[in-house]
Structure formats: structure tokens, C-alpha cells
PDB file of N, CA and C in Angstrom:
ATOM      1  N   GLN A   1     128.623  83.988  95.331  1.00  0.00           N
ATOM      2  CA  GLN A   1     128.618  82.595  94.568  1.00  0.00           C
ATOM      3  C   GLN A   1     127.028  82.205  93.951  1.00  0.00           C
ATOM      4  N   VAL A   2     126.990  81.531  92.914  1.00  0.00           N
ATOM      5  CA  VAL A   2     125.736  81.237  92.100  1.00  0.00           C
ATOM      6  C   VAL A   2     125.013  80.538  93.167  1.00  0.00           C
ATOM      7  N   GLN A   3     123.667  80.868  93.207  1.00  0.00           N
ATOM      8  CA  GLN A   3     122.818  80.175  94.031  1.00  0.00           C
ATOM      9  C   GLN A   3     121.488  79.838  93.439  1.00  0.00           C
ATOM     10  N   LEU A   4     120.978  78.642  93.348  1.00  0.00           N
ATOM     11  CA  LEU A   4     119.673  78.617  92.690  1.00  0.00           C
ATOM     12  C   LEU A   4     118.803  77.726  93.788  1.00  0.00           C
ATOM     13  N   VAL A   5     117.762  78.225  94.320  1.00  0.00           N
ATOM     14  CA  VAL A   5     116.819  77.491  95.258  1.00  0.00           C
ATOM     15  C   VAL A   5     115.510  77.224  94.751  1.00  0.00           C
ATOM     16  N   GLU A   6     115.163  75.910  94.406  1.00  0.00           N
ATOM     17  CA  GLU A   6     113.763  75.689  93.852  1.00  0.00           C
ATOM     18  C   GLU A   6     112.702  75.421  95.191  1.00  0.00           C
ATOM     19  N   SER A   7     111.563  75.816  94.847  1.00  0.00           N
ATOM     20  CA  SER A   7     110.637  75.569  95.603  1.00  0.00           C
ATOM     21  C   SER A   7     109.233  75.122  94.970  1.00  0.00           C
ATOM     22  N   GLY A   8     108.320  74.898  95.499  1.00  0.00           N
ATOM     23  CA  GLY A   8     106.811  74.455  95.112  1.00  0.00           C
ATOM     24  C   GLY A   8     106.480  73.318  94.628  1.00  0.00           C
ATOM     25  N   GLY A   9     107.493  72.213  94.945  1.00  0.00           N
ATOM     26  CA  GLY A   9     107.030  70.830  94.787  1.00  0.00           C
ATOM     27  C   GLY A   9     106.059  70.379  95.764  1.00  0.00           C
ATOM     28  N   GLY A  10     105.471  69.097  95.407  1.00  0.00           N
ATOM     29  CA  GLY A  10     104.678  68.594  96.462  1.00  0.00           C
ATOM     30  C   GLY A  10     103.987  67.329  95.812  1.00  0.00           C
ATOM     31  N   LEU A  11     102.695  66.906  96.526  1.00  0.00           N
ATOM     32  CA  LEU A  11     102.077  65.841  96.221  1.00  0.00           C
ATOM     33  C   LEU A  11     100.749  66.415  95.293  1.00  0.00           C
ATOM     34  N   VAL A  12     100.604  65.703  94.357  1.00  0.00           N
ATOM     35  CA  VAL A  12      99.304  66.311  93.637  1.00  0.00           C
ATOM     36  C   VAL A  12      98.950  65.166  92.726  1.00  0.00           C
ATOM     37  N   GLN A  13      97.490  65.201  92.657  1.00  0.00           N
ATOM     38  CA  GLN A  13      96.791  64.052  91.921  1.00  0.00           C
ATOM     39  C   GLN A  13      96.851  64.342  90.302  1.00  0.00           C
ATOM     40  N   PRO A  14      96.765  63.297  89.589  1.00  0.00           N
ATOM     41  CA  PRO A  14      96.843  63.310  88.393  1.00  0.00           C
ATOM     42  C   PRO A  14      95.879  64.127  87.741  1.00  0.00           C
ATOM     43  N   GLY A  15      96.213  65.006  86.648  1.00  0.00           N
ATOM     44  CA  GLY A  15      95.276  66.070  86.016  1.00  0.00           C
ATOM     45  C   GLY A  15      95.431  67.388  86.797  1.00  0.00           C
ATOM     46  N   GLY A  16      96.325  67.463  87.954  1.00  0.00           N
ATOM     47  CA  GLY A  16      96.277  68.672  88.885  1.00  0.00           C
ATOM     48  C   GLY A  16      97.575  69.739  88.261  1.00  0.00           C
ATOM     49  N   SER A  17      97.759  70.664  89.013  1.00  0.00           N
ATOM     50  CA  SER A  17      98.841  71.654  88.662  1.00  0.00           C
ATOM     51  C   SER A  17      99.569  71.844  89.715  1.00  0.00           C
ATOM     52  N   LEU A  18     100.782  72.329  89.536  1.00  0.00           N
ATOM     53  CA  LEU A  18     101.877  72.836  90.367  1.00  0.00           C
ATOM     54  C   LEU A  18     102.718  73.960  89.582  1.00  0.00           C
ATOM     55  N   ARG A  19     103.112  74.888  90.496  1.00  0.00           N
ATOM     56  CA  ARG A  19     104.061  75.917  89.960  1.00  0.00           C
ATOM     57  C   ARG A  19     105.486  76.062  90.612  1.00  0.00           C
ATOM     58  N   LEU A  20     106.466  75.586  90.185  1.00  0.00           N
ATOM     59  CA  LEU A  20     107.638  75.568  90.558  1.00  0.00           C
ATOM     60  C   LEU A  20     108.230  77.037  90.385  1.00  0.00           C
ATOM     61  N   SER A  21     109.170  77.392  91.481  1.00  0.00           N
ATOM     62  CA  SER A  21     109.878  78.538  91.529  1.00  0.00           C
ATOM     63  C   SER A  21     111.461  78.228  91.608  1.00  0.00           C
ATOM     64  N   CYS A  22     112.120  78.953  90.942  1.00  0.00           N
ATOM     65  CA  CYS A  22     113.762  79.167  91.211  1.00  0.00           C
ATOM     66  C   CYS A  22     114.397  80.321  91.517  1.00  0.00           C
ATOM     67  N   ALA A  23     114.725  80.606  92.719  1.00  0.00           N
ATOM     68  CA  ALA A  23     115.190  81.922  92.918  1.00  0.00           C
ATOM     69  C   ALA A  23     116.635  82.044  92.822  1.00  0.00           C
ATOM     70  N   ALA A  24     117.275  82.887  91.834  1.00  0.00           N
ATOM     71  CA  ALA A  24     118.640  82.973  91.673  1.00  0.00           C
ATOM     72  C   ALA A  24     119.298  84.186  92.253  1.00  0.00           C
ATOM     73  N   SER A  25     120.648  83.746  92.521  1.00  0.00           N
ATOM     74  CA  SER A  25     121.542  84.981  92.870  1.00  0.00           C
ATOM     75  C   SER A  25     123.019  84.617  92.684  1.00  0.00           C
ATOM     76  N   GLY A  26     123.706  85.687  92.621  1.00  0.00           N
ATOM     77  CA  GLY A  26     125.298  85.515  92.434  1.00  0.00           C
ATOM     78  C   GLY A  26     125.658  85.744  91.017  1.00  0.00           C
ATOM     79  N   PHE A  27     124.927  86.194  90.194  1.00  0.00           N
ATOM     80  CA  PHE A  27     125.178  86.420  88.790  1.00  0.00           C
ATOM     81  C   PHE A  27     124.109  87.557  88.305  1.00  0.00           C
ATOM     82  N   THR A  28     124.406  87.830  87.082  1.00  0.00           N
ATOM     83  CA  THR A  28     123.375  89.024  86.446  1.00  0.00           C
ATOM     84  C   THR A  28     122.230  88.004  85.888  1.00  0.00           C
ATOM     85  N   PHE A  29     121.254  88.020  86.306  1.00  0.00           N
ATOM     86  CA  PHE A  29     120.399  86.896  85.949  1.00  0.00           C
ATOM     87  C   PHE A  29     119.677  87.258  84.696  1.00  0.00           C
ATOM     88  N   SER A  30     119.384  88.463  84.416  1.00  0.00           N
ATOM     89  CA  SER A  30     118.660  89.002  83.115  1.00  0.00           C
ATOM     90  C   SER A  30     119.780  88.659  81.919  1.00  0.00           C
ATOM     91  N   ARG A  31     120.929  88.250  82.026  1.00  0.00           N
ATOM     92  CA  ARG A  31     121.621  88.242  80.790  1.00  0.00           C
ATOM     93  C   ARG A  31     122.077  86.456  80.509  1.00  0.00           C
ATOM     94  N   TYR A  32     121.241  85.779  81.201  1.00  0.00           N
ATOM     95  CA  TYR A  32     121.590  84.324  81.032  1.00  0.00           C
ATOM     96  C   TYR A  32     120.088  83.612  80.769  1.00  0.00           C
ATOM     97  N   GLY A  33     120.090  82.504  79.971  1.00  0.00           N
ATOM     98  CA  GLY A  33     119.015  81.690  79.839  1.00  0.00           C
ATOM     99  C   GLY A  33     118.976  80.643  80.879  1.00  0.00           C
ATOM    100  N   MET A  34     117.834  80.243  81.277  1.00  0.00           N
ATOM    101  CA  MET A  34     117.624  79.328  82.407  1.00  0.00           C
ATOM    102  C   MET A  34     116.771  78.169  81.954  1.00  0.00           C
ATOM    103  N   SER A  35     117.036  77.064  82.701  1.00  0.00           N
ATOM    104  CA  SER A  35     116.593  75.790  82.331  1.00  0.00           C
ATOM    105  C   SER A  35     116.009  74.951  83.474  1.00  0.00           C
ATOM    106  N   TRP A  36     115.029  74.193  83.116  1.00  0.00           N
ATOM    107  CA  TRP A  36     114.582  73.091  84.404  1.00  0.00           C
ATOM    108  C   TRP A  36     114.727  71.647  83.604  1.00  0.00           C
ATOM    109  N   TYR A  37     115.471  70.851  84.623  1.00  0.00           N
ATOM    110  CA  TYR A  37     115.500  69.744  84.246  1.00  0.00           C
ATOM    111  C   TYR A  37     114.750  68.678  85.480  1.00  0.00           C
ATOM    112  N   ARG A  38     114.689  67.391  85.127  1.00  0.00           N
ATOM    113  CA  ARG A  38     114.035  66.614  86.179  1.00  0.00           C
ATOM    114  C   ARG A  38     114.859  65.128  86.048  1.00  0.00           C
ATOM    115  N   GLN A  39     114.712  64.444  87.092  1.00  0.00           N
ATOM    116  CA  GLN A  39     115.266  63.366  87.381  1.00  0.00           C
ATOM    117  C   GLN A  39     114.309  62.095  87.859  1.00  0.00           C
ATOM    118  N   ALA A  40     113.835  61.127  87.441  1.00  0.00           N
ATOM    119  CA  ALA A  40     113.121  59.906  88.335  1.00  0.00           C
ATOM    120  C   ALA A  40     113.935  58.869  88.829  1.00  0.00           C
ATOM    121  N   PRO A  41     113.761  58.372  89.642  1.00  0.00           N
ATOM    122  CA  PRO A  41     114.740  57.230  90.306  1.00  0.00           C
ATOM    123  C   PRO A  41     114.934  56.061  89.032  1.00  0.00           C
ATOM    124  N   GLY A  42     116.137  56.100  88.901  1.00  0.00           N
ATOM    125  CA  GLY A  42     116.816  54.962  87.930  1.00  0.00           C
ATOM    126  C   GLY A  42     116.748  55.417  86.571  1.00  0.00           C
ATOM    127  N   LYS A  43     116.523  56.791  86.317  1.00  0.00           N
ATOM    128  CA  LYS A  43     116.374  57.281  85.173  1.00  0.00           C
ATOM    129  C   LYS A  43     117.533  58.560  85.082  1.00  0.00           C
ATOM    130  N   GLU A  44     118.093  58.892  83.754  1.00  0.00           N
ATOM    131  CA  GLU A  44     118.877  59.867  83.434  1.00  0.00           C
ATOM    132  C   GLU A  44     117.927  61.106  83.582  1.00  0.00           C
ATOM    133  N   ARG A  45     118.966  62.340  84.153  1.00  0.00           N
ATOM    134  CA  ARG A  45     118.223  63.399  84.086  1.00  0.00           C
ATOM    135  C   ARG A  45     117.959  64.260  82.768  1.00  0.00           C
ATOM    136  N   GLU A  46     116.774  64.513  82.625  1.00  0.00           N
ATOM    137  CA  GLU A  46     116.406  65.095  81.288  1.00  0.00           C
ATOM    138  C   GLU A  46     116.050  66.608  81.257  1.00  0.00           C
ATOM    139  N   LEU A  47     116.432  67.181  80.065  1.00  0.00           N
ATOM    140  CA  LEU A  47     115.970  68.509  80.099  1.00  0.00           C
ATOM    141  C   LEU A  47     114.387  68.795  79.830  1.00  0.00           C
ATOM    142  N   VAL A  48     113.599  69.490  80.624  1.00  0.00           N
ATOM    143  CA  VAL A  48     112.295  69.693  80.538  1.00  0.00           C
ATOM    144  C   VAL A  48     112.040  70.949  79.661  1.00  0.00           C
ATOM    145  N   ALA A  49     112.537  72.092  79.910  1.00  0.00           N
ATOM    146  CA  ALA A  49     112.161  73.366  79.371  1.00  0.00           C
ATOM    147  C   ALA A  49     113.430  74.191  79.465  1.00  0.00           C
ATOM    148  N   ARG A  50     113.462  75.447  78.628  1.00  0.00           N
ATOM    149  CA  ARG A  50     114.604  76.240  78.950  1.00  0.00           C
ATOM    150  C   ARG A  50     114.001  77.623  78.363  1.00  0.00           C
ATOM    151  N   ILE A  51     114.498  78.783  78.805  1.00  0.00           N
ATOM    152  CA  ILE A  51     113.922  79.960  78.314  1.00  0.00           C
ATOM    153  C   ILE A  51     115.075  80.930  78.143  1.00  0.00           C
ATOM    154  N   SER A  52     115.093  81.778  77.217  1.00  0.00           N
ATOM    155  CA  SER A  52     116.179  82.712  76.918  1.00  0.00           C
ATOM    156  C   SER A  52     116.360  83.906  77.686  1.00  0.00           C
ATOM    157  N   SER A  53     117.394  84.616  77.938  1.00  0.00           N
ATOM    158  CA  SER A  53     117.791  85.601  78.776  1.00  0.00           C
ATOM    159  C   SER A  53     116.458  86.786  79.008  1.00  0.00           C
ATOM    160  N   ALA A  54     115.827  87.134  78.104  1.00  0.00           N
ATOM    161  CA  ALA A  54     114.963  87.893  77.943  1.00  0.00           C
ATOM    162  C   ALA A  54     113.414  87.414  78.043  1.00  0.00           C
ATOM    163  N   GLY A  55     113.416  85.991  78.017  1.00  0.00           N
ATOM    164  CA  GLY A  55     112.070  85.183  78.263  1.00  0.00           C
ATOM    165  C   GLY A  55     111.368  85.271  76.828  1.00  0.00           C
ATOM    166  N   ILE A  56     112.112  85.609  75.787  1.00  0.00           N
ATOM    167  CA  ILE A  56     111.439  85.716  74.514  1.00  0.00           C
ATOM    168  C   ILE A  56     111.335  84.374  73.738  1.00  0.00           C
ATOM    169  N   ARG A  57     112.026  83.495  73.990  1.00  0.00           N
ATOM    170  CA  ARG A  57     112.506  82.154  73.241  1.00  0.00           C
ATOM    171  C   ARG A  57     112.147  81.178  74.370  1.00  0.00           C
ATOM    172  N   THR A  58     111.507  80.126  73.963  1.00  0.00           N
ATOM    173  CA  THR A  58     111.406  79.008  75.067  1.00  0.00           C
ATOM    174  C   THR A  58     111.412  77.608  74.203  1.00  0.00           C
ATOM    175  N   ASN A  59     111.609  76.555  74.885  1.00  0.00           N
ATOM    176  CA  ASN A  59     111.514  75.305  74.215  1.00  0.00           C
ATOM    177  C   ASN A  59     111.323  74.192  75.272  1.00  0.00           C
ATOM    178  N   TYR A  60     110.753  73.137  74.741  1.00  0.00           N
ATOM    179  CA  TYR A  60     110.142  72.131  75.632  1.00  0.00           C
ATOM    180  C   TYR A  60     110.528  70.558  75.327  1.00  0.00           C
ATOM    181  N   ALA A  61     110.624  69.648  76.230  1.00  0.00           N
ATOM    182  CA  ALA A  61     110.736  68.480  75.795  1.00  0.00           C
ATOM    183  C   ALA A  61     109.256  68.037  75.231  1.00  0.00           C
ATOM    184  N   ASP A  62     109.105  67.220  74.423  1.00  0.00           N
ATOM    185  CA  ASP A  62     107.857  66.733  73.643  1.00  0.00           C
ATOM    186  C   ASP A  62     107.090  66.234  74.606  1.00  0.00           C
ATOM    187  N   SER A  63     107.492  65.471  75.718  1.00  0.00           N
ATOM    188  CA  SER A  63     106.718  64.881  76.626  1.00  0.00           C
ATOM    189  C   SER A  63     105.774  65.971  77.519  1.00  0.00           C
ATOM    190  N   VAL A  64     106.214  67.097  77.643  1.00  0.00           N
ATOM    191  CA  VAL A  64     105.622  68.302  78.420  1.00  0.00           C
ATOM    192  C   VAL A  64     105.150  69.272  77.629  1.00  0.00           C
ATOM    193  N   LYS A  65     105.253  69.249  76.476  1.00  0.00           N
ATOM    194  CA  LYS A  65     104.815  70.361  75.429  1.00  0.00           C
ATOM    195  C   LYS A  65     103.209  70.444  75.302  1.00  0.00           C
ATOM    196  N   GLY A  66     103.048  71.431  75.574  1.00  0.00           N
ATOM    197  CA  GLY A  66     101.374  71.786  75.793  1.00  0.00           C
ATOM    198  C   GLY A  66     100.724  71.689  77.083  1.00  0.00           C
ATOM    199  N   ARG A  67     101.583  71.158  78.059  1.00  0.00           N
ATOM    200  CA  ARG A  67     101.200  71.131  79.170  1.00  0.00           C
ATOM    201  C   ARG A  67     101.989  72.072  80.360  1.00  0.00           C
ATOM    202  N   PHE A  68     103.175  72.307  80.132  1.00  0.00           N
ATOM    203  CA  PHE A  68     104.327  73.080  80.937  1.00  0.00           C
ATOM    204  C   PHE A  68     104.421  74.303  80.357  1.00  0.00           C
ATOM    205  N   THR A  69     104.653  75.390  81.192  1.00  0.00           N
ATOM    206  CA  THR A  69     105.082  76.613  80.741  1.00  0.00           C
ATOM    207  C   THR A  69     106.271  77.180  81.498  1.00  0.00           C
ATOM    208  N   ILE A  70     107.391  77.585  80.935  1.00  0.00           N
ATOM    209  CA  ILE A  70     108.471  78.259  81.572  1.00  0.00           C
ATOM    210  C   ILE A  70     108.318  79.599  81.355  1.00  0.00           C
ATOM    211  N   SER A  71     108.559  80.278  82.461  1.00  0.00           N
ATOM    212  CA  SER A  71     108.551  81.906  82.374  1.00  0.00           C
ATOM    213  C   SER A  71     109.515  82.454  83.380  1.00  0.00           C
ATOM    214  N   ARG A  72     109.732  83.702  83.274  1.00  0.00           N
ATOM    215  CA  ARG A  72     110.784  84.425  84.137  1.00  0.00           C
ATOM    216  C   ARG A  72     110.377  85.688  84.388  1.00  0.00           C
ATOM    217  N   ASP A  73     110.906  86.215  85.548  1.00  0.00           N
ATOM    218  CA  ASP A  73     110.539  87.584  86.032  1.00  0.00           C
ATOM    219  C   ASP A  73     112.158  88.234  86.379  1.00  0.00           C
ATOM    220  N   ASN A  74     112.862  88.765  85.513  1.00  0.00           N
ATOM    221  CA  ASN A  74     113.914  89.256  85.850  1.00  0.00           C
ATOM    222  C   ASN A  74     114.143  90.400  86.725  1.00  0.00           C
ATOM    223  N   ALA A  75     112.971  91.073  87.111  1.00  0.00           N
ATOM    224  CA  ALA A  75     112.759  92.015  88.265  1.00  0.00           C
ATOM    225  C   ALA A  75     113.079  91.286  89.606  1.00  0.00           C
ATOM    226  N   LYS A  76     112.700  89.967  89.630  1.00  0.00           N
ATOM    227  CA  LYS A  76     112.665  89.319  90.914  1.00  0.00           C
ATOM    228  C   LYS A  76     113.688  88.140  90.831  1.00  0.00           C
ATOM    229  N   ASN A  77     114.533  87.871  89.862  1.00  0.00           N
ATOM    230  CA  ASN A  77     115.644  87.039  89.583  1.00  0.00           C
ATOM    231  C   ASN A  77     114.954  85.630  89.833  1.00  0.00           C
ATOM    232  N   THR A  78     114.006  85.297  89.249  1.00  0.00           N
ATOM    233  CA  THR A  78     113.267  84.177  89.432  1.00  0.00           C
ATOM    234  C   THR A  78     112.631  83.486  88.155  1.00  0.00           C
ATOM    235  N   VAL A  79     112.787  82.309  87.974  1.00  0.00           N
ATOM    236  CA  VAL A  79     112.447  81.679  86.920  1.00  0.00           C
ATOM    237  C   VAL A  79     111.309  80.502  87.251  1.00  0.00           C
ATOM    238  N   TYR A  80     110.215  80.239  86.553  1.00  0.00           N
ATOM    239  CA  TYR A  80     108.977  79.638  86.901  1.00  0.00           C
ATOM    240  C   TYR A  80     108.737  78.383  85.941  1.00  0.00           C
ATOM    241  N   LEU A  81     108.145  77.318  86.615  1.00  0.00           N
ATOM    242  CA  LEU A  81     107.739  76.272  85.610  1.00  0.00           C
ATOM    243  C   LEU A  81     106.252  76.129  86.096  1.00  0.00           C
ATOM    244  N   GLN A  82     105.477  76.379  85.290  1.00  0.00           N
ATOM    245  CA  GLN A  82     103.914  75.973  85.455  1.00  0.00           C
ATOM    246  C   GLN A  82     103.534  74.533  84.775  1.00  0.00           C
ATOM    247  N   MET A  83     103.125  73.785  85.690  1.00  0.00           N
ATOM    248  CA  MET A  83     102.812  72.228  85.181  1.00  0.00           C
ATOM    249  C   MET A  83     101.373  72.111  85.395  1.00  0.00           C
ATOM    250  N   ASN A  84     100.653  71.941  84.186  1.00  0.00           N
ATOM    251  CA  ASN A  84      99.278  71.566  84.110  1.00  0.00           C
ATOM    252  C   ASN A  84      99.081  70.279  83.676  1.00  0.00           C
ATOM    253  N   SER A  85      97.975  69.633  83.813  1.00  0.00           N
ATOM    254  CA  SER A  85      97.506  68.275  83.472  1.00  0.00           C
ATOM    255  C   SER A  85      98.610  67.167  83.950  1.00  0.00           C
ATOM    256  N   LEU A  86      98.932  67.303  85.171  1.00  0.00           N
ATOM    257  CA  LEU A  86     100.172  66.493  85.610  1.00  0.00           C
ATOM    258  C   LEU A  86      99.686  64.864  85.509  1.00  0.00           C
ATOM    259  N   LYS A  87     100.844  64.091  85.092  1.00  0.00           N
ATOM    260  CA  LYS A  87     100.704  62.566  84.700  1.00  0.00           C
ATOM    261  C   LYS A  87     101.507  61.997  85.877  1.00  0.00           C
ATOM    262  N   SER A  88     101.255  60.641  86.224  1.00  0.00           N
ATOM    263  CA  SER A  88     102.009  59.986  86.970  1.00  0.00           C
ATOM    264  C   SER A  88     103.690  60.077  86.450  1.00  0.00           C
ATOM    265  N   GLU A  89     103.741  60.030  85.102  1.00  0.00           N
ATOM    266  CA  GLU A  89     105.254  60.243  84.724  1.00  0.00           C
ATOM    267  C   GLU A  89     105.880  61.343  84.789  1.00  0.00           C
ATOM    268  N   ASP A  90     105.321  62.313  85.240  1.00  0.00           N
ATOM    269  CA  ASP A  90     106.258  63.597  85.525  1.00  0.00           C
ATOM    270  C   ASP A  90     106.592  63.426  87.119  1.00  0.00           C
ATOM    271  N   THR A  91     106.284  62.409  87.600  1.00  0.00           N
ATOM    272  CA  THR A  91     107.094  62.294  88.904  1.00  0.00           C
ATOM    273  C   THR A  91     108.368  62.406  89.094  1.00  0.00           C
ATOM    274  N   ALA A  92     109.222  63.111  89.573  1.00  0.00           N
ATOM    275  CA  ALA A  92     110.516  63.362  89.760  1.00  0.00           C
ATOM    276  C   ALA A  92     111.163  64.489  90.591  1.00  0.00           C
ATOM    277  N   VAL A  93     112.428  64.646  90.677  1.00  0.00           N
ATOM    278  CA  VAL A  93     113.128  65.519  91.466  1.00  0.00           C
ATOM    279  C   VAL A  93     113.302  66.611  90.316  1.00  0.00           C
ATOM    280  N   TYR A  94     112.999  67.897  90.395  1.00  0.00           N
ATOM    281  CA  TYR A  94     113.069  68.968  89.538  1.00  0.00           C
ATOM    282  C   TYR A  94     114.304  69.947  89.934  1.00  0.00           C
ATOM    283  N   TYR A  95     114.904  70.156  88.934  1.00  0.00           N
ATOM    284  CA  TYR A  95     116.259  70.923  88.990  1.00  0.00           C
ATOM    285  C   TYR A  95     116.277  72.153  88.218  1.00  0.00           C
ATOM    286  N   CYS A  96     116.599  73.390  88.823  1.00  0.00           N
ATOM    287  CA  CYS A  96     116.666  74.557  88.198  1.00  0.00           C
ATOM    288  C   CYS A  96     118.276  74.695  87.582  1.00  0.00           C
ATOM    289  N   ASN A  97     118.619  75.109  86.342  1.00  0.00           N
ATOM    290  CA  ASN A  97     119.849  74.909  85.946  1.00  0.00           C
ATOM    291  C   ASN A  97     120.298  76.305  85.088  1.00  0.00           C
ATOM    292  N   THR A  98     121.535  76.519  85.364  1.00  0.00           N
ATOM    293  CA  THR A  98     122.059  77.755  84.469  1.00  0.00           C
ATOM    294  C   THR A  98     123.544  77.677  84.413  1.00  0.00           C
ATOM    295  N   ASN A  99     124.197  78.262  83.413  1.00  0.00           N
ATOM    296  CA  ASN A  99     125.630  78.268  82.934  1.00  0.00           C
ATOM    297  C   ASN A  99     126.378  79.649  82.691  1.00  0.00           C
ATOM    298  N   PRO A 100     126.271  80.536  83.762  1.00  0.00           N
ATOM    299  CA  PRO A 100     126.908  81.768  83.498  1.00  0.00           C
ATOM    300  C   PRO A 100     128.140  81.949  83.240  1.00  0.00           C
ATOM    301  N   PHE A 101     129.077  80.969  83.880  1.00  0.00           N
ATOM    302  CA  PHE A 101     130.401  81.287  83.839  1.00  0.00           C
ATOM    303  C   PHE A 101     131.462  79.973  83.199  1.00  0.00           C
ATOM    304  N   GLY A 102     130.613  79.355  82.214  1.00  0.00           N
ATOM    305  CA  GLY A 102     131.218  78.316  81.723  1.00  0.00           C
ATOM    306  C   GLY A 102     131.103  76.797  82.271  1.00  0.00           C
ATOM    307  N   ASP A 103     130.342  76.895  83.688  1.00  0.00           N
ATOM    308  CA  ASP A 103     130.342  75.612  84.295  1.00  0.00           C
ATOM    309  C   ASP A 103     128.671  75.548  84.905  1.00  0.00           C
ATOM    310  N   ASP A 104     128.163  74.329  84.735  1.00  0.00           N
ATOM    311  CA  ASP A 104     126.703  74.064  85.188  1.00  0.00           C
ATOM    312  C   ASP A 104     126.538  74.344  86.760  1.00  0.00           C
ATOM    313  N   TYR A 105     125.395  75.234  87.064  1.00  0.00           N
ATOM    314  CA  TYR A 105     124.947  75.253  88.272  1.00  0.00           C
ATOM    315  C   TYR A 105     123.741  74.819  88.375  1.00  0.00           C
ATOM    316  N   TRP A 106     123.569  73.963  89.668  1.00  0.00           N
ATOM    317  CA  TRP A 106     122.315  73.370  89.906  1.00  0.00           C
ATOM    318  C   TRP A 106     121.737  73.977  91.189  1.00  0.00           C
ATOM    319  N   GLY A 107     120.387  73.905  91.308  1.00  0.00           N
ATOM    320  CA  GLY A 107     119.596  73.879  92.611  1.00  0.00           C
ATOM    321  C   GLY A 107     119.612  72.634  93.431  1.00  0.00           C
ATOM    322  N   GLN A 108     119.174  72.673  94.632  1.00  0.00           N
ATOM    323  CA  GLN A 108     119.284  71.403  95.315  1.00  0.00           C
ATOM    324  C   GLN A 108     117.846  70.598  94.809  1.00  0.00           C
ATOM    325  N   GLY A 109     116.847  70.789  94.138  1.00  0.00           N
ATOM    326  CA  GLY A 109     115.866  70.064  93.637  1.00  0.00           C
ATOM    327  C   GLY A 109     114.868  70.031  94.424  1.00  0.00           C
ATOM    328  N   THR A 110     113.510  70.048  93.943  1.00  0.00           N
ATOM    329  CA  THR A 110     112.128  70.052  94.581  1.00  0.00           C
ATOM    330  C   THR A 110     111.359  68.719  94.019  1.00  0.00           C
ATOM    331  N   GLN A 111     110.911  68.003  95.025  1.00  0.00           N
ATOM    332  CA  GLN A 111     110.319  66.798  94.781  1.00  0.00           C
ATOM    333  C   GLN A 111     108.992  66.947  94.159  1.00  0.00           C
ATOM    334  N   VAL A 112     108.345  66.417  93.040  1.00  0.00           N
ATOM    335  CA  VAL A 112     107.232  66.589  92.484  1.00  0.00           C
ATOM    336  C   VAL A 112     106.573  64.929  92.358  1.00  0.00           C
ATOM    337  N   THR A 113     105.517  64.649  93.290  1.00  0.00           N
ATOM    338  CA  THR A 113     105.066  63.438  93.273  1.00  0.00           C
ATOM    339  C   THR A 113     103.614  63.579  92.654  1.00  0.00           C
ATOM    340  N   VAL A 114     103.237  63.000  91.582  1.00  0.00           N
ATOM    341  CA  VAL A 114     101.805  62.661  90.950  1.00  0.00           C
ATOM    342  C   VAL A 114     101.294  61.475  91.195  1.00  0.00           C
ATOM    343  N   SER A 115     100.214  61.376  92.072  1.00  0.00           N
ATOM    344  CA  SER A 115      99.700  60.156  92.376  1.00  0.00           C
ATOM    345  C   SER A 115      98.175  60.361  93.023  1.00  0.00           C
ATOM    346  N   SER A 116      97.598  59.415  92.993  1.00  0.00           N
ATOM    347  CA  SER A 116      96.133  59.440  93.290  1.00  0.00           C
ATOM    348  C   SER A 116      95.986  58.777  94.807  1.00  0.00           C
TER     349      SER A 116
END
């Protein structure tokens, strides 16, 4: 079955950095695009970044553009989200997402808290 496992979240001070990882299995990873979403308490889940299957094309939410970088290593079946210059408004649960068979699949999420 499709399985997505996020890791790398934690507590960081404003201006700090974190790198999130999502380990994928159960499908041919290199054939599908991947996305990162986030959800803060009381807010809708929002798309943060996405990357094409070969890692050539990427796009980002305006709120993170220039600070976050999505990348992937198809040999390791892993997608990453490098987060720099973190702000308090980046605090959320971050989720990995893919849609290889016509349905959305989600990881369990990893908590990112930006606070001094």
C-alpha cells in the first residue's frame, strides 16, 4: 500500500531552519509529483510546495517563496522541504501528499513550531 512518513519537525526559533523529509513506498515514486501541505489550528490545509516527477519543475505558495525549497531524491524515494528564515506564521502540522492512483494519500504529519 501507499505509505508516506514525514519526519524532521520540531521547535525552532524565528529566523531558524528545518529540513523535513517524507519517505515514500508502495508506488513507483519517480513517476509522480509530490507536494507538501500544512495546516495550522483553526485554518484550512494549504498547499506549500510541489515538485514534478523528475524534480525539474517546482512551485510554491507566495507566503513561502524565497524561503522554502522542495527537492527530491528518486533513488531514495524521498521528498524534502528545506525551510529557512522561519516565521511564527509557519507554525503548523506539515503533510506530505501524492496522488498516484486517482486518490490522495497523506502522511501522518510532522509538527513545526516556530517560537522564541
